[in-house]
Amino acid sequence: METRRKSQDLLHKALSSGQDNGGQEDLADLAKTIEEAIYEQQDCQVDSAYKETIRSHILNLKDSRNPLKDQVLSGQVDPVEFAAMTASEMATADRRRSNEELRRSSLQASMGYTADNRPKHRDLEGEES
């Protein structure tokens, strides 16, 4: 239970950073709603997956380039919907584009493609089967 309370506190801090002191009780309720939804999605277990999900949501709320915090605070994004978001769904468009480029280059490198998307030439004559 202590971990859940700490998670709610951290979510509350992330939501209230840069805000005036008004509405702190509302923000505490919002943080509690988000934490409870994450807890339920993790099959009511406080394990490493729960902690990683909490961490991911907090980092995305704290990211000044990510409009997600404003969207959650304004009600544009429902807190339960926010709690269900994956890391890629929470990411900014720039971050998603960067992640996709990384994924593609990693996939090409693992498949043995060169920079111009051609397979690397392999001399198979010297290899035994």
Protein backbone atom coordinates (compact mmCIF):
# COMPACT_ATOMS: atom_id res chain seq x y z
CA MET A 1 0.00 0.00 0.00
CA GLU A 2 2.95 2.34 0.68
CA THR A 3 4.13 1.99 -2.93
CA ARG A 4 0.70 2.92 -4.22
CA ARG A 5 0.53 5.98 -1.97
CA LYS A 6 4.00 7.06 -3.12
CA SER A 7 2.91 6.54 -6.75
CA GLN A 8 -0.11 8.78 -6.19
CA ASP A 9 2.13 11.44 -4.61
CA LEU A 10 4.56 11.32 -7.55
CA LEU A 11 1.71 11.56 -10.06
CA HIS A 12 0.30 14.51 -8.09
CA LYS A 13 3.69 16.27 -8.17
CA ALA A 14 3.99 15.69 -11.92
CA LEU A 15 0.49 17.05 -12.51
CA SER A 16 0.97 20.09 -10.27
CA SER A 17 4.43 21.13 -11.46
CA GLY A 18 4.20 24.56 -13.04
CA GLN A 19 0.64 25.05 -11.74
CA ASP A 20 -0.54 27.59 -9.19
CA ASN A 21 -1.52 26.24 -5.77
CA GLY A 22 -5.24 26.40 -6.52
CA GLY A 23 -7.04 23.13 -7.11
CA GLN A 24 -4.46 20.94 -5.38
CA GLU A 25 -7.22 18.75 -3.96
CA ASP A 26 -8.61 18.24 -7.46
CA LEU A 27 -5.13 17.32 -8.69
CA ALA A 28 -4.73 14.85 -5.82
CA ASP A 29 -8.04 13.24 -6.82
CA LEU A 30 -6.92 13.14 -10.45
CA ALA A 31 -3.62 11.51 -9.47
CA LYS A 32 -5.49 8.95 -7.36
CA THR A 33 -7.83 8.13 -10.26
CA ILE A 34 -4.88 7.61 -12.61
CA GLU A 35 -3.01 5.43 -10.11
CA GLU A 36 -6.09 3.31 -9.36
CA ALA A 37 -6.67 2.73 -13.08
CA ILE A 38 -3.04 1.69 -13.59
CA TYR A 39 -3.26 -0.62 -10.55
CA GLU A 40 -6.39 -2.30 -11.96
CA GLN A 41 -4.78 -2.70 -15.38
CA GLN A 42 -1.85 -4.46 -13.72
CA ASP A 43 -4.23 -7.07 -12.26
CA CYS A 44 -4.15 -5.35 -8.86
CA GLN A 45 -0.49 -6.17 -8.34
CA VAL A 46 2.32 -3.86 -7.33
CA ASP A 47 5.14 -5.46 -9.27
CA SER A 48 7.87 -4.31 -11.62
CA ALA A 49 5.36 -3.83 -14.48
CA TYR A 50 3.20 -1.58 -12.27
CA LYS A 51 6.23 0.46 -11.21
CA GLU A 52 7.47 0.81 -14.79
CA THR A 53 4.04 1.95 -15.96
CA ILE A 54 3.86 4.55 -13.18
CA ARG A 55 7.39 5.74 -14.03
CA SER A 56 6.54 6.05 -17.72
CA HIS A 57 3.38 8.06 -17.03
CA ILE A 58 5.20 10.40 -14.64
CA LEU A 59 8.03 11.02 -17.10
CA ASN A 60 5.57 11.85 -19.87
CA LEU A 61 3.67 14.24 -17.59
CA LYS A 62 6.93 15.98 -16.64
CA ASP A 63 8.14 16.34 -20.24
CA SER A 64 7.71 20.04 -21.03
CA ARG A 65 7.62 19.28 -24.78
CA ASN A 66 4.76 16.83 -24.35
CA PRO A 67 1.26 18.43 -24.38
CA LEU A 68 -0.17 15.39 -22.58
CA LYS A 69 -0.20 16.99 -19.11
CA ASP A 70 -2.25 19.94 -20.37
CA GLN A 71 -4.59 17.55 -22.17
CA VAL A 72 -5.15 15.52 -18.98
CA LEU A 73 -5.61 18.65 -16.84
CA SER A 74 -8.08 20.19 -19.28
CA GLY A 75 -10.12 17.00 -19.51
CA GLN A 76 -9.30 16.57 -23.18
CA VAL A 77 -7.78 13.19 -22.23
CA ASP A 78 -9.73 11.17 -19.67
CA PRO A 79 -7.58 10.06 -16.68
CA VAL A 80 -8.55 6.39 -17.14
CA GLU A 81 -7.76 6.66 -20.85
CA PHE A 82 -4.43 8.25 -19.95
CA ALA A 83 -3.69 5.43 -17.51
CA ALA A 84 -4.25 2.88 -20.28
CA MET A 85 -1.85 4.57 -22.71
CA THR A 86 1.34 2.79 -23.69
CA ALA A 87 4.68 4.58 -23.76
CA SER A 88 4.46 4.95 -27.54
CA GLU A 89 0.94 6.38 -27.33
CA MET A 90 2.09 8.97 -24.79
CA ALA A 91 5.16 9.98 -26.79
CA THR A 92 5.27 13.24 -28.72
CA ALA A 93 5.13 13.06 -32.52
CA ASP A 94 8.86 13.85 -32.68
CA ARG A 95 9.65 11.06 -30.22
CA ARG A 96 7.50 8.56 -32.14
CA ARG A 97 9.22 9.51 -35.40
CA SER A 98 12.64 9.17 -33.77
CA ASN A 99 11.71 5.78 -32.26
CA GLU A 100 10.46 4.55 -35.65
CA GLU A 101 13.70 5.61 -37.36
CA LEU A 102 15.70 3.82 -34.67
CA ARG A 103 13.57 0.70 -35.03
CA ARG A 104 14.00 0.66 -38.82
CA SER A 105 17.75 1.19 -38.75
CA SER A 106 18.14 -1.49 -36.10
CA LEU A 107 16.04 -3.91 -38.14
CA GLN A 108 18.03 -3.16 -41.29
CA ALA A 109 21.31 -3.62 -39.45
CA SER A 110 20.19 -6.94 -38.00
CA MET A 111 19.13 -8.15 -41.44
CA GLY A 112 22.42 -7.14 -43.00
CA TYR A 113 21.24 -4.26 -45.16
CA THR A 114 23.50 -1.40 -46.19
CA ALA A 115 22.63 2.31 -45.93
CA ASP A 116 21.03 2.25 -49.42
CA ASN A 117 18.68 -0.59 -48.38
CA ARG A 118 20.47 -3.26 -50.39
CA PRO A 119 21.47 -6.57 -48.87
CA LYS A 120 25.15 -6.82 -48.07
CA HIS A 121 27.07 -8.98 -50.53
CA ARG A 122 28.05 -12.25 -48.95
CA ASP A 123 30.46 -14.69 -50.48
CA LEU A 124 28.74 -18.00 -49.92
CA GLU A 125 31.17 -20.06 -52.00
CA GLY A 126 33.67 -20.34 -49.18
CA GLU A 127 31.04 -21.38 -46.60
CA GLU A 128 30.17 -24.97 -45.91
CA SER A 129 26.56 -26.04 -45.49
